[in-house]
Amino acid sequence: MHLTVNTELFEIIVGVLTDVTSCDFFLWGYVKGQVYVPPLPESNPELKVRIRTYFETITADMLQTVWNELHYRVDVCRITKAAHIEHL
C-alpha cells in the first residue's frame, strides 16, 4: 500500500512538534496537576522539592504510553488530511 504525503500537513506537524514533544505536553499536565494542589508551596525550595518528587514518580511505561498516543494522533491527522476530529 502506497500512501501519499500531504506536504502542507507535514510541514505544519513538523513545525509544531520540533519545539514541543509529546513528553513536554504530558510532563506539563502531569507535574502541574500534582504540584499545584493545596496546600501550595510557600517557598521556591519547597516548590523545587515537590517538582522533583513528582518527576521521580514518572515511569518508563508512562512515557511509552504518551509516545504511543502521540503516534496514534499523528497517524489519524495524516489519514484524515488534518480534518477536524471530534474525539481527539
Protein backbone atom coordinates (compact mmCIF):
# COMPACT_ATOMS: atom_id res chain seq x y z
CA MET A 1 0.00 0.00 0.00
CA HIS A 2 1.43 3.37 -1.02
CA LEU A 3 0.49 6.46 0.98
CA THR A 4 0.97 9.93 -0.38
CA VAL A 5 2.20 12.60 1.99
CA ASN A 6 0.27 15.82 2.34
CA THR A 7 3.27 18.16 2.39
CA GLU A 8 1.32 21.09 3.84
CA LEU A 9 0.10 18.94 6.73
CA PHE A 10 3.57 17.50 7.19
CA GLU A 11 5.11 20.99 7.42
CA ILE A 12 2.50 22.05 10.00
CA ILE A 13 3.07 18.97 12.15
CA VAL A 14 6.85 19.22 11.93
CA GLY A 15 6.71 22.94 12.71
CA VAL A 16 4.65 22.33 15.82
CA LEU A 17 6.48 19.27 17.05
CA THR A 18 10.04 20.49 16.65
CA ASP A 19 9.83 22.64 19.76
CA VAL A 20 7.33 20.71 21.85
CA THR A 21 7.40 16.97 22.25
CA SER A 22 4.65 14.68 23.46
CA CYS A 23 6.60 14.30 26.67
CA ASP A 24 6.51 18.08 27.14
CA PHE A 25 2.71 18.03 26.94
CA PHE A 26 2.50 15.10 29.31
CA LEU A 27 5.02 16.46 31.78
CA TRP A 28 3.42 19.89 31.95
CA GLY A 29 -0.03 18.48 32.64
CA TYR A 30 1.08 15.75 34.99
CA VAL A 31 3.52 17.74 37.08
CA LYS A 32 1.34 20.85 37.19
CA GLY A 33 -1.62 18.75 38.28
CA GLN A 34 0.42 17.18 41.08
CA VAL A 35 2.49 20.15 42.26
CA TYR A 36 -0.05 22.96 42.36
CA VAL A 37 -2.55 21.45 44.77
CA PRO A 38 -3.41 22.82 48.19
CA PRO A 39 -1.61 23.45 50.37
CA LEU A 40 0.52 25.34 47.84
CA PRO A 41 4.29 25.53 48.32
CA GLU A 42 5.25 28.57 50.36
CA SER A 43 8.79 28.94 49.01
CA ASN A 44 10.86 28.19 45.93
CA PRO A 45 12.84 25.43 47.68
CA GLU A 46 9.57 23.75 48.70
CA LEU A 47 8.29 24.05 45.13
CA LYS A 48 11.50 22.51 43.78
CA VAL A 49 11.19 19.58 46.18
CA ARG A 50 7.61 18.96 45.06
CA ILE A 51 8.58 19.11 41.39
CA ARG A 52 11.47 16.68 41.90
CA THR A 53 9.25 14.35 43.90
CA TYR A 54 6.65 14.12 41.14
CA PHE A 55 9.24 13.75 38.38
CA GLU A 56 10.53 10.71 40.24
CA THR A 57 7.07 9.10 40.02
CA ILE A 58 7.11 9.10 36.20
CA THR A 59 7.84 5.62 34.87
CA ALA A 60 9.15 4.43 31.53
CA ASP A 61 5.75 2.82 30.90
CA MET A 62 4.03 6.16 31.37
CA LEU A 63 6.34 7.80 28.83
CA GLN A 64 5.86 4.93 26.38
CA THR A 65 2.08 5.37 26.64
CA VAL A 66 2.47 9.09 25.90
CA TRP A 67 4.60 8.32 22.85
CA ASN A 68 2.12 5.72 21.58
CA GLU A 69 -0.78 8.17 21.94
CA LEU A 70 1.09 10.87 20.02
CA HIS A 71 1.95 8.41 17.27
CA TYR A 72 -1.73 7.40 17.01
CA ARG A 73 -2.91 11.03 16.84
CA VAL A 74 -0.36 11.98 14.17
CA ASP A 75 -1.45 8.92 12.18
CA VAL A 76 -5.11 9.97 12.43
CA CYS A 77 -4.21 13.50 11.31
CA ARG A 78 -2.26 12.11 8.37
CA ILE A 79 -5.04 9.76 7.29
CA THR A 80 -7.79 12.41 7.58
CA LYS A 81 -5.56 15.07 6.00
CA ALA A 82 -5.82 17.20 9.15
CA ALA A 83 -9.61 17.32 9.18
CA HIS A 84 -11.26 18.16 12.50
CA ILE A 85 -11.68 15.05 14.58
CA GLU A 86 -14.11 15.38 17.46
CA HIS A 87 -12.86 12.58 19.69
CA LEU A 88 -9.19 13.64 19.66
